[in-house]
Amino acid sequence: GDLGGSRTLQKKWTTFQKARLDCSL
């Protein structure tokens, strides 16, 4: 449902987040 911001992040994701996928020993 992200519609972006009204001034900041116009037509940009306001909910974009990323994290590391750790596959390790």
mmCIF file of all heavy atoms, coordinates in Angstrom:
data_MODEL
# 
_entry.id   MODEL 
# 
loop_
_atom_site.group_PDB 
_atom_site.id 
_atom_site.type_symbol 
_atom_site.label_atom_id 
_atom_site.label_alt_id 
_atom_site.label_comp_id 
_atom_site.label_asym_id 
_atom_site.label_entity_id 
_atom_site.label_seq_id 
_atom_site.pdbx_PDB_ins_code 
_atom_site.Cartn_x 
_atom_site.Cartn_y 
_atom_site.Cartn_z 
_atom_site.occupancy 
_atom_site.B_iso_or_equiv 
_atom_site.pdbx_formal_charge 
_atom_site.auth_seq_id 
_atom_site.auth_comp_id 
_atom_site.auth_asym_id 
_atom_site.auth_atom_id 
_atom_site.pdbx_PDB_model_num 
ATOM 1   N N   . GLY A 1 1  ? 0.786  -1.225  0.000   1.00 0.00 ? 1  GLY A N   1 
ATOM 2   C CA  . GLY A 1 1  ? 0.000  0.000   0.000   1.00 0.00 ? 1  GLY A CA  1 
ATOM 3   C C   . GLY A 1 1  ? 0.815  1.271   0.000   1.00 0.00 ? 1  GLY A C   1 
ATOM 4   O O   . GLY A 1 1  ? 0.249  2.374   0.109   1.00 0.00 ? 1  GLY A O   1 
ATOM 5   N N   . ASP A 1 2  ? 2.132  1.179   -0.131  1.00 0.00 ? 2  ASP A N   1 
ATOM 6   C CA  . ASP A 1 2  ? 3.012  2.352   -0.096  1.00 0.00 ? 2  ASP A CA  1 
ATOM 7   C C   . ASP A 1 2  ? 2.705  3.279   -1.277  1.00 0.00 ? 2  ASP A C   1 
ATOM 8   O O   . ASP A 1 2  ? 2.728  2.862   -2.433  1.00 0.00 ? 2  ASP A O   1 
ATOM 9   C CB  . ASP A 1 2  ? 4.466  1.881   -0.153  1.00 0.00 ? 2  ASP A CB  1 
ATOM 10  C CG  . ASP A 1 2  ? 5.457  2.968   0.226   1.00 0.00 ? 2  ASP A CG  1 
ATOM 11  O OD1 . ASP A 1 2  ? 5.108  4.161   0.145   1.00 0.00 ? 2  ASP A OD1 1 
ATOM 12  O OD2 . ASP A 1 2  ? 6.590  2.619   0.600   1.00 0.00 ? 2  ASP A OD2 1 
ATOM 13  N N   . LEU A 1 3  ? 2.429  4.551   -0.985  1.00 0.00 ? 3  LEU A N   1 
ATOM 14  C CA  . LEU A 1 3  ? 2.139  5.546   -2.019  1.00 0.00 ? 3  LEU A CA  1 
ATOM 15  C C   . LEU A 1 3  ? 3.206  6.633   -2.078  1.00 0.00 ? 3  LEU A C   1 
ATOM 16  O O   . LEU A 1 3  ? 3.033  7.636   -2.779  1.00 0.00 ? 3  LEU A O   1 
ATOM 17  C CB  . LEU A 1 3  ? 0.765  6.197   -1.759  1.00 0.00 ? 3  LEU A CB  1 
ATOM 18  C CG  . LEU A 1 3  ? -0.441 5.250   -1.716  1.00 0.00 ? 3  LEU A CG  1 
ATOM 19  C CD1 . LEU A 1 3  ? -1.713 6.034   -1.425  1.00 0.00 ? 3  LEU A CD1 1 
ATOM 20  C CD2 . LEU A 1 3  ? -0.567 4.481   -3.015  1.00 0.00 ? 3  LEU A CD2 1 
ATOM 21  N N   . GLY A 1 4  ? 4.306  6.468   -1.356  1.00 0.00 ? 4  GLY A N   1 
ATOM 22  C CA  . GLY A 1 4  ? 5.326  7.497   -1.328  1.00 0.00 ? 4  GLY A CA  1 
ATOM 23  C C   . GLY A 1 4  ? 4.982  8.616   -0.368  1.00 0.00 ? 4  GLY A C   1 
ATOM 24  O O   . GLY A 1 4  ? 3.928  8.613   0.277   1.00 0.00 ? 4  GLY A O   1 
ATOM 25  N N   . GLY A 1 5  ? 5.875  9.594   -0.262  1.00 0.00 ? 5  GLY A N   1 
ATOM 26  C CA  . GLY A 1 5  ? 5.652  10.726  0.612   1.00 0.00 ? 5  GLY A CA  1 
ATOM 27  C C   . GLY A 1 5  ? 5.053  11.905  -0.138  1.00 0.00 ? 5  GLY A C   1 
ATOM 28  O O   . GLY A 1 5  ? 5.026  11.933  -1.367  1.00 0.00 ? 5  GLY A O   1 
ATOM 29  N N   . SER A 1 6  ? 4.583  12.896  0.593   1.00 0.00 ? 6  SER A N   1 
ATOM 30  C CA  . SER A 1 6  ? 3.978  14.065  -0.054  1.00 0.00 ? 6  SER A CA  1 
ATOM 31  C C   . SER A 1 6  ? 5.030  15.093  -0.461  1.00 0.00 ? 6  SER A C   1 
ATOM 32  O O   . SER A 1 6  ? 4.921  15.714  -1.514  1.00 0.00 ? 6  SER A O   1 
ATOM 33  C CB  . SER A 1 6  ? 2.952  14.711  0.889   1.00 0.00 ? 6  SER A CB  1 
ATOM 34  O OG  . SER A 1 6  ? 3.578  15.126  2.097   1.00 0.00 ? 6  SER A OG  1 
ATOM 35  N N   . ARG A 1 7  ? 6.074  15.267  0.370   1.00 0.00 ? 7  ARG A N   1 
ATOM 36  C CA  . ARG A 1 7  ? 7.179  16.161  0.012   1.00 0.00 ? 7  ARG A CA  1 
ATOM 37  C C   . ARG A 1 7  ? 8.484  15.369  -0.080  1.00 0.00 ? 7  ARG A C   1 
ATOM 38  O O   . ARG A 1 7  ? 9.105  15.318  -1.132  1.00 0.00 ? 7  ARG A O   1 
ATOM 39  C CB  . ARG A 1 7  ? 7.303  17.278  1.051   1.00 0.00 ? 7  ARG A CB  1 
ATOM 40  C CG  . ARG A 1 7  ? 6.141  18.264  1.038   1.00 0.00 ? 7  ARG A CG  1 
ATOM 41  C CD  . ARG A 1 7  ? 6.379  19.419  1.996   1.00 0.00 ? 7  ARG A CD  1 
ATOM 42  N NE  . ARG A 1 7  ? 6.499  18.959  3.377   1.00 0.00 ? 7  ARG A NE  1 
ATOM 43  C CZ  . ARG A 1 7  ? 5.458  18.829  4.198   1.00 0.00 ? 7  ARG A CZ  1 
ATOM 44  N NH1 . ARG A 1 7  ? 4.229  19.096  3.782   1.00 0.00 ? 7  ARG A NH1 1 
ATOM 45  N NH2 . ARG A 1 7  ? 5.642  18.427  5.446   1.00 0.00 ? 7  ARG A NH2 1 
ATOM 46  N N   . THR A 1 8  ? 8.880  14.779  1.009   1.00 0.00 ? 8  THR A N   1 
ATOM 47  C CA  . THR A 1 8  ? 10.041 13.890  1.007   1.00 0.00 ? 8  THR A CA  1 
ATOM 48  C C   . THR A 1 8  ? 9.636  12.536  0.440   1.00 0.00 ? 8  THR A C   1 
ATOM 49  O O   . THR A 1 8  ? 8.541  12.049  0.708   1.00 0.00 ? 8  THR A O   1 
ATOM 50  C CB  . THR A 1 8  ? 10.569 13.718  2.443   1.00 0.00 ? 8  THR A CB  1 
ATOM 51  O OG1 . THR A 1 8  ? 10.856 15.006  2.986   1.00 0.00 ? 8  THR A OG1 1 
ATOM 52  C CG2 . THR A 1 8  ? 11.823 12.867  2.471   1.00 0.00 ? 8  THR A CG2 1 
ATOM 53  N N   . LEU A 1 9  ? 10.526 11.934  -0.354  1.00 0.00 ? 9  LEU A N   1 
ATOM 54  C CA  . LEU A 1 9  ? 10.288 10.626  -0.969  1.00 0.00 ? 9  LEU A CA  1 
ATOM 55  C C   . LEU A 1 9  ? 9.022  10.615  -1.837  1.00 0.00 ? 9  LEU A C   1 
ATOM 56  O O   . LEU A 1 9  ? 8.246  9.664   -1.829  1.00 0.00 ? 9  LEU A O   1 
ATOM 57  C CB  . LEU A 1 9  ? 10.207 9.520   0.102   1.00 0.00 ? 9  LEU A CB  1 
ATOM 58  C CG  . LEU A 1 9  ? 11.500 9.242   0.874   1.00 0.00 ? 9  LEU A CG  1 
ATOM 59  C CD1 . LEU A 1 9  ? 11.274 8.173   1.940   1.00 0.00 ? 9  LEU A CD1 1 
ATOM 60  C CD2 . LEU A 1 9  ? 12.622 8.805   -0.070  1.00 0.00 ? 9  LEU A CD2 1 
ATOM 61  N N   . GLN A 1 10 ? 8.840  11.648  -2.622  1.00 0.00 ? 10 GLN A N   1 
ATOM 62  C CA  . GLN A 1 10 ? 7.721  11.663  -3.566  1.00 0.00 ? 10 GLN A CA  1 
ATOM 63  C C   . GLN A 1 10 ? 7.923  10.563  -4.607  1.00 0.00 ? 10 GLN A C   1 
ATOM 64  O O   . GLN A 1 10 ? 8.969  10.470  -5.222  1.00 0.00 ? 10 GLN A O   1 
ATOM 65  C CB  . GLN A 1 10 ? 7.630  13.018  -4.273  1.00 0.00 ? 10 GLN A CB  1 
ATOM 66  C CG  . GLN A 1 10 ? 7.137  14.142  -3.406  1.00 0.00 ? 10 GLN A CG  1 
ATOM 67  C CD  . GLN A 1 10 ? 6.946  15.428  -4.200  1.00 0.00 ? 10 GLN A CD  1 
ATOM 68  O OE1 . GLN A 1 10 ? 7.086  15.444  -5.416  1.00 0.00 ? 10 GLN A OE1 1 
ATOM 69  N NE2 . GLN A 1 10 ? 6.623  16.508  -3.509  1.00 0.00 ? 10 GLN A NE2 1 
ATOM 70  N N   . LYS A 1 11 ? 6.897  9.731   -4.774  1.00 0.00 ? 11 LYS A N   1 
ATOM 71  C CA  . LYS A 1 11 ? 6.923  8.603   -5.705  1.00 0.00 ? 11 LYS A CA  1 
ATOM 72  C C   . LYS A 1 11 ? 8.108  7.679   -5.455  1.00 0.00 ? 11 LYS A C   1 
ATOM 73  O O   . LYS A 1 11 ? 8.573  6.984   -6.349  1.00 0.00 ? 11 LYS A O   1 
ATOM 74  C CB  . LYS A 1 11 ? 6.920  9.089   -7.156  1.00 0.00 ? 11 LYS A CB  1 
ATOM 75  C CG  . LYS A 1 11 ? 5.647  9.826   -7.537  1.00 0.00 ? 11 LYS A CG  1 
ATOM 76  C CD  . LYS A 1 11 ? 5.610  10.152  -9.016  1.00 0.00 ? 11 LYS A CD  1 
ATOM 77  C CE  . LYS A 1 11 ? 4.298  10.836  -9.391  1.00 0.00 ? 11 LYS A CE  1 
ATOM 78  N NZ  . LYS A 1 11 ? 4.226  11.169  -10.831 1.00 0.00 ? 11 LYS A NZ  1 
ATOM 79  N N   . LYS A 1 12 ? 8.603  7.686   -4.218  1.00 0.00 ? 12 LYS A N   1 
ATOM 80  C CA  . LYS A 1 12 ? 9.674  6.778   -3.794  1.00 0.00 ? 12 LYS A CA  1 
ATOM 81  C C   . LYS A 1 12 ? 9.151  5.949   -2.623  1.00 0.00 ? 12 LYS A C   1 
ATOM 82  O O   . LYS A 1 12 ? 8.271  6.380   -1.871  1.00 0.00 ? 12 LYS A O   1 
ATOM 83  C CB  . LYS A 1 12 ? 10.911 7.570   -3.357  1.00 0.00 ? 12 LYS A CB  1 
ATOM 84  C CG  . LYS A 1 12 ? 11.463 8.535   -4.403  1.00 0.00 ? 12 LYS A CG  1 
ATOM 85  C CD  . LYS A 1 12 ? 12.069 7.810   -5.578  1.00 0.00 ? 12 LYS A CD  1 
ATOM 86  C CE  . LYS A 1 12 ? 12.547 8.784   -6.651  1.00 0.00 ? 12 LYS A CE  1 
ATOM 87  N NZ  . LYS A 1 12 ? 13.594 9.694   -6.153  1.00 0.00 ? 12 LYS A NZ  1 
ATOM 88  N N   . TRP A 1 13 ? 9.700  4.766   -2.476  1.00 0.00 ? 13 TRP A N   1 
ATOM 89  C CA  . TRP A 1 13 ? 9.263  3.895   -1.390  1.00 0.00 ? 13 TRP A CA  1 
ATOM 90  C C   . TRP A 1 13 ? 9.538  4.547   -0.038  1.00 0.00 ? 13 TRP A C   1 
ATOM 91  O O   . TRP A 1 13 ? 10.653 4.969   0.247   1.00 0.00 ? 13 TRP A O   1 
ATOM 92  C CB  . TRP A 1 13 ? 9.982  2.555   -1.454  1.00 0.00 ? 13 TRP A CB  1 
ATOM 93  C CG  . TRP A 1 13 ? 9.735  1.756   -2.682  1.00 0.00 ? 13 TRP A CG  1 
ATOM 94  C CD1 . TRP A 1 13 ? 10.628 1.476   -3.680  1.00 0.00 ? 13 TRP A CD1 1 
ATOM 95  C CD2 . TRP A 1 13 ? 8.523  1.091   -3.048  1.00 0.00 ? 13 TRP A CD2 1 
ATOM 96  N NE1 . TRP A 1 13 ? 10.048 0.701   -4.642  1.00 0.00 ? 13 TRP A NE1 1 
ATOM 97  C CE2 . TRP A 1 13 ? 8.752  0.444   -4.285  1.00 0.00 ? 13 TRP A CE2 1 
ATOM 98  C CE3 . TRP A 1 13 ? 7.267  0.993   -2.456  1.00 0.00 ? 13 TRP A CE3 1 
ATOM 99  C CZ2 . TRP A 1 13 ? 7.778  -0.293  -4.926  1.00 0.00 ? 13 TRP A CZ2 1 
ATOM 100 C CZ3 . TRP A 1 13 ? 6.283  0.259   -3.109  1.00 0.00 ? 13 TRP A CZ3 1 
ATOM 101 C CH2 . TRP A 1 13 ? 6.542  -0.379  -4.326  1.00 0.00 ? 13 TRP A CH2 1 
ATOM 102 N N   . THR A 1 14 ? 8.537  4.585   0.791   1.00 0.00 ? 14 THR A N   1 
ATOM 103 C CA  . THR A 1 14 ? 8.743  4.994   2.184   1.00 0.00 ? 14 THR A CA  1 
ATOM 104 C C   . THR A 1 14 ? 8.969  3.783   3.073   1.00 0.00 ? 14 THR A C   1 
ATOM 105 O O   . THR A 1 14 ? 9.339  3.928   4.243   1.00 0.00 ? 14 THR A O   1 
ATOM 106 C CB  . THR A 1 14 ? 7.531  5.780   2.714   1.00 0.00 ? 14 THR A CB  1 
ATOM 107 O OG1 . THR A 1 14 ? 6.402  4.894   2.829   1.00 0.00 ? 14 THR A OG1 1 
ATOM 108 C CG2 . THR A 1 14 ? 7.173  6.930   1.797   1.00 0.00 ? 14 THR A CG2 1 
ATOM 109 N N   . THR A 1 15 ? 8.733  2.595   2.527   1.00 0.00 ? 15 THR A N   1 
ATOM 110 C CA  . THR A 1 15 ? 8.811  1.370   3.329   1.00 0.00 ? 15 THR A CA  1 
ATOM 111 C C   . THR A 1 15 ? 9.977  0.480   2.918   1.00 0.00 ? 15 THR A C   1 
ATOM 112 O O   . THR A 1 15 ? 10.094 -0.638  3.416   1.00 0.00 ? 15 THR A O   1 
ATOM 113 C CB  . THR A 1 15 ? 7.499  0.569   3.208   1.00 0.00 ? 15 THR A CB  1 
ATOM 114 O OG1 . THR A 1 15 ? 7.233  0.309   1.814   1.00 0.00 ? 15 THR A OG1 1 
ATOM 115 C CG2 . THR A 1 15 ? 6.346  1.336   3.809   1.00 0.00 ? 15 THR A CG2 1 
ATOM 116 N N   . PHE A 1 16 ? 10.834 0.950   2.006   1.00 0.00 ? 16 PHE A N   1 
ATOM 117 C CA  . PHE A 1 16 ? 11.959 0.107   1.578   1.00 0.00 ? 16 PHE A CA  1 
ATOM 118 C C   . PHE A 1 16 ? 12.933 -0.082  2.734   1.00 0.00 ? 16 PHE A C   1 
ATOM 119 O O   . PHE A 1 16 ? 13.437 0.864   3.321   1.00 0.00 ? 16 PHE A O   1 
ATOM 120 C CB  . PHE A 1 16 ? 12.693 0.742   0.398   1.00 0.00 ? 16 PHE A CB  1 
ATOM 121 C CG  . PHE A 1 16 ? 13.937 -0.012  -0.002  1.00 0.00 ? 16 PHE A CG  1 
ATOM 122 C CD1 . PHE A 1 16 ? 13.841 -1.141  -0.801  1.00 0.00 ? 16 PHE A CD1 1 
ATOM 123 C CD2 . PHE A 1 16 ? 15.191 0.383   0.445   1.00 0.00 ? 16 PHE A CD2 1 
ATOM 124 C CE1 . PHE A 1 16 ? 14.980 -1.848  -1.165  1.00 0.00 ? 16 PHE A CE1 1 
ATOM 125 C CE2 . PHE A 1 16 ? 16.335 -0.317  0.086   1.00 0.00 ? 16 PHE A CE2 1 
ATOM 126 C CZ  . PHE A 1 16 ? 16.224 -1.438  -0.720  1.00 0.00 ? 16 PHE A CZ  1 
ATOM 127 N N   . GLN A 1 17 ? 13.176 -1.337  3.064   1.00 0.00 ? 17 GLN A N   1 
ATOM 128 C CA  . GLN A 1 17 ? 14.179 -1.712  4.057   1.00 0.00 ? 17 GLN A CA  1 
ATOM 129 C C   . GLN A 1 17 ? 14.897 -2.952  3.552   1.00 0.00 ? 17 GLN A C   1 
ATOM 130 O O   . GLN A 1 17 ? 14.327 -3.760  2.813   1.00 0.00 ? 17 GLN A O   1 
ATOM 131 C CB  . GLN A 1 17 ? 13.539 -2.009  5.410   1.00 0.00 ? 17 GLN A CB  1 
ATOM 132 C CG  . GLN A 1 17 ? 12.902 -0.806  6.085   1.00 0.00 ? 17 GLN A CG  1 
ATOM 133 C CD  . GLN A 1 17 ? 12.284 -1.180  7.430   1.00 0.00 ? 17 GLN A CD  1 
ATOM 134 O OE1 . GLN A 1 17 ? 11.465 -2.083  7.516   1.00 0.00 ? 17 GLN A OE1 1 
ATOM 135 N NE2 . GLN A 1 17 ? 12.679 -0.480  8.474   1.00 0.00 ? 17 GLN A NE2 1 
ATOM 136 N N   . LYS A 1 18 ? 16.126 -3.103  3.963   1.00 0.00 ? 18 LYS A N   1 
ATOM 137 C CA  . LYS A 1 18 ? 16.882 -4.288  3.566   1.00 0.00 ? 18 LYS A CA  1 
ATOM 138 C C   . LYS A 1 18 ? 17.697 -4.783  4.747   1.00 0.00 ? 18 LYS A C   1 
ATOM 139 O O   . LYS A 1 18 ? 18.013 -4.023  5.673   1.00 0.00 ? 18 LYS A O   1 
ATOM 140 C CB  . LYS A 1 18 ? 17.787 -3.991  2.366   1.00 0.00 ? 18 LYS A CB  1 
ATOM 141 C CG  . LYS A 1 18 ? 18.904 -2.998  2.655   1.00 0.00 ? 18 LYS A CG  1 
ATOM 142 C CD  . LYS A 1 18 ? 19.769 -2.760  1.425   1.00 0.00 ? 18 LYS A CD  1 
ATOM 143 C CE  . LYS A 1 18 ? 20.925 -1.801  1.745   1.00 0.00 ? 18 LYS A CE  1 
ATOM 144 N NZ  . LYS A 1 18 ? 21.789 -1.569  0.557   1.00 0.00 ? 18 LYS A NZ  1 
ATOM 145 N N   . ALA A 1 19 ? 18.017 -6.072  4.706   1.00 0.00 ? 19 ALA A N   1 
ATOM 146 C CA  . ALA A 1 19 ? 18.796 -6.694  5.773   1.00 0.00 ? 19 ALA A CA  1 
ATOM 147 C C   . ALA A 1 19 ? 19.667 -7.777  5.163   1.00 0.00 ? 19 ALA A C   1 
ATOM 148 O O   . ALA A 1 19 ? 19.427 -8.243  4.039   1.00 0.00 ? 19 ALA A O   1 
ATOM 149 C CB  . ALA A 1 19 ? 17.883 -7.285  6.843   1.00 0.00 ? 19 ALA A CB  1 
ATOM 150 N N   . ARG A 1 20 ? 20.652 -8.180  5.910   1.00 0.00 ? 20 ARG A N   1 
ATOM 151 C CA  . ARG A 1 20 ? 21.558 -9.214  5.413   1.00 0.00 ? 20 ARG A CA  1 
ATOM 152 C C   . ARG A 1 20 ? 20.977 -10.594 5.661   1.00 0.00 ? 20 ARG A C   1 
ATOM 153 O O   . ARG A 1 20 ? 20.438 -10.872 6.745   1.00 0.00 ? 20 ARG A O   1 
ATOM 154 C CB  . ARG A 1 20 ? 22.916 -9.090  6.104   1.00 0.00 ? 20 ARG A CB  1 
ATOM 155 C CG  . ARG A 1 20 ? 23.954 -10.057 5.551   1.00 0.00 ? 20 ARG A CG  1 
ATOM 156 C CD  . ARG A 1 20 ? 25.328 -9.763  6.115   1.00 0.00 ? 20 ARG A CD  1 
ATOM 157 N NE  . ARG A 1 20 ? 26.285 -10.785 5.717   1.00 0.00 ? 20 ARG A NE  1 
ATOM 158 C CZ  . ARG A 1 20 ? 27.561 -10.814 6.093   1.00 0.00 ? 20 ARG A CZ  1 
ATOM 159 N NH1 . ARG A 1 20 ? 28.017 -9.840  6.887   1.00 0.00 ? 20 ARG A NH1 1 
ATOM 160 N NH2 . ARG A 1 20 ? 28.361 -11.786 5.703   1.00 0.00 ? 20 ARG A NH2 1 
ATOM 161 N N   . LEU A 1 21 ? 21.092 -11.442 4.665   1.00 0.00 ? 21 LEU A N   1 
ATOM 162 C CA  . LEU A 1 21 ? 20.785 -12.866 4.803   1.00 0.00 ? 21 LEU A CA  1 
ATOM 163 C C   . LEU A 1 21 ? 22.088 -13.576 5.133   1.00 0.00 ? 21 LEU A C   1 
ATOM 164 O O   . LEU A 1 21 ? 23.003 -13.626 4.308   1.00 0.00 ? 21 LEU A O   1 
ATOM 165 C CB  . LEU A 1 21 ? 20.210 -13.436 3.502   1.00 0.00 ? 21 LEU A CB  1 
ATOM 166 C CG  . LEU A 1 21 ? 18.738 -13.222 3.186   1.00 0.00 ? 21 LEU A CG  1 
ATOM 167 C CD1 . LEU A 1 21 ? 18.412 -13.878 1.845   1.00 0.00 ? 21 LEU A CD1 1 
ATOM 168 C CD2 . LEU A 1 21 ? 17.841 -13.789 4.277   1.00 0.00 ? 21 LEU A CD2 1 
ATOM 169 N N   . ASP A 1 22 ? 22.188 -14.105 6.323   1.00 0.00 ? 22 ASP A N   1 
ATOM 170 C CA  . ASP A 1 22 ? 23.417 -14.736 6.776   1.00 0.00 ? 22 ASP A CA  1 
ATOM 171 C C   . ASP A 1 22 ? 23.262 -16.250 6.723   1.00 0.00 ? 22 ASP A C   1 
ATOM 172 O O   . ASP A 1 22 ? 22.450 -16.828 7.448   1.00 0.00 ? 22 ASP A O   1 
ATOM 173 C CB  . ASP A 1 22 ? 23.744 -14.286 8.202   1.00 0.00 ? 22 ASP A CB  1 
ATOM 174 C CG  . ASP A 1 22 ? 25.083 -14.792 8.686   1.00 0.00 ? 22 ASP A CG  1 
ATOM 175 O OD1 . ASP A 1 22 ? 25.214 -16.012 8.901   1.00 0.00 ? 22 ASP A OD1 1 
ATOM 176 O OD2 . ASP A 1 22 ? 26.000 -13.980 8.862   1.00 0.00 ? 22 ASP A OD2 1 
ATOM 177 N N   . CYS A 1 23 ? 24.013 -16.875 5.848   1.00 0.00 ? 23 CYS A N   1 
ATOM 178 C CA  . CYS A 1 23 ? 24.078 -18.342 5.746   1.00 0.00 ? 23 CYS A CA  1 
ATOM 179 C C   . CYS A 1 23 ? 25.519 -18.706 6.076   1.00 0.00 ? 23 CYS A C   1 
ATOM 180 O O   . CYS A 1 23 ? 26.422 -18.475 5.270   1.00 0.00 ? 23 CYS A O   1 
ATOM 181 C CB  . CYS A 1 23 ? 23.690 -18.789 4.334   1.00 0.00 ? 23 CYS A CB  1 
ATOM 182 S SG  . CYS A 1 23 ? 23.769 -20.576 4.042   1.00 0.00 ? 23 CYS A SG  1 
ATOM 183 N N   . SER A 1 24 ? 25.746 -19.238 7.268   1.00 0.00 ? 24 SER A N   1 
ATOM 184 C CA  . SER A 1 24 ? 27.128 -19.355 7.714   1.00 0.00 ? 24 SER A CA  1 
ATOM 185 C C   . SER A 1 24 ? 27.333 -20.497 8.692   1.00 0.00 ? 24 SER A C   1 
ATOM 186 O O   . SER A 1 24 ? 26.384 -21.062 9.247   1.00 0.00 ? 24 SER A O   1 
ATOM 187 C CB  . SER A 1 24 ? 27.574 -18.043 8.374   1.00 0.00 ? 24 SER A CB  1 
ATOM 188 O OG  . SER A 1 24 ? 26.815 -17.795 9.544   1.00 0.00 ? 24 SER A OG  1 
ATOM 189 N N   . LEU A 1 25 ? 28.606 -20.804 8.893   1.00 0.00 ? 25 LEU A N   1 
ATOM 190 C CA  . LEU A 1 25 ? 29.075 -21.716 9.938   1.00 0.00 ? 25 LEU A CA  1 
ATOM 191 C C   . LEU A 1 25 ? 29.958 -20.886 10.861  1.00 0.00 ? 25 LEU A C   1 
ATOM 192 O O   . LEU A 1 25 ? 31.179 -20.790 10.663  1.00 0.00 ? 25 LEU A O   1 
ATOM 193 C CB  . LEU A 1 25 ? 29.875 -22.872 9.336   1.00 0.00 ? 25 LEU A CB  1 
ATOM 194 C CG  . LEU A 1 25 ? 29.111 -23.823 8.410   1.00 0.00 ? 25 LEU A CG  1 
ATOM 195 C CD1 . LEU A 1 25 ? 30.071 -24.750 7.694   1.00 0.00 ? 25 LEU A CD1 1 
ATOM 196 C CD2 . LEU A 1 25 ? 28.091 -24.614 9.204   1.00 0.00 ? 25 LEU A CD2 1 
# 
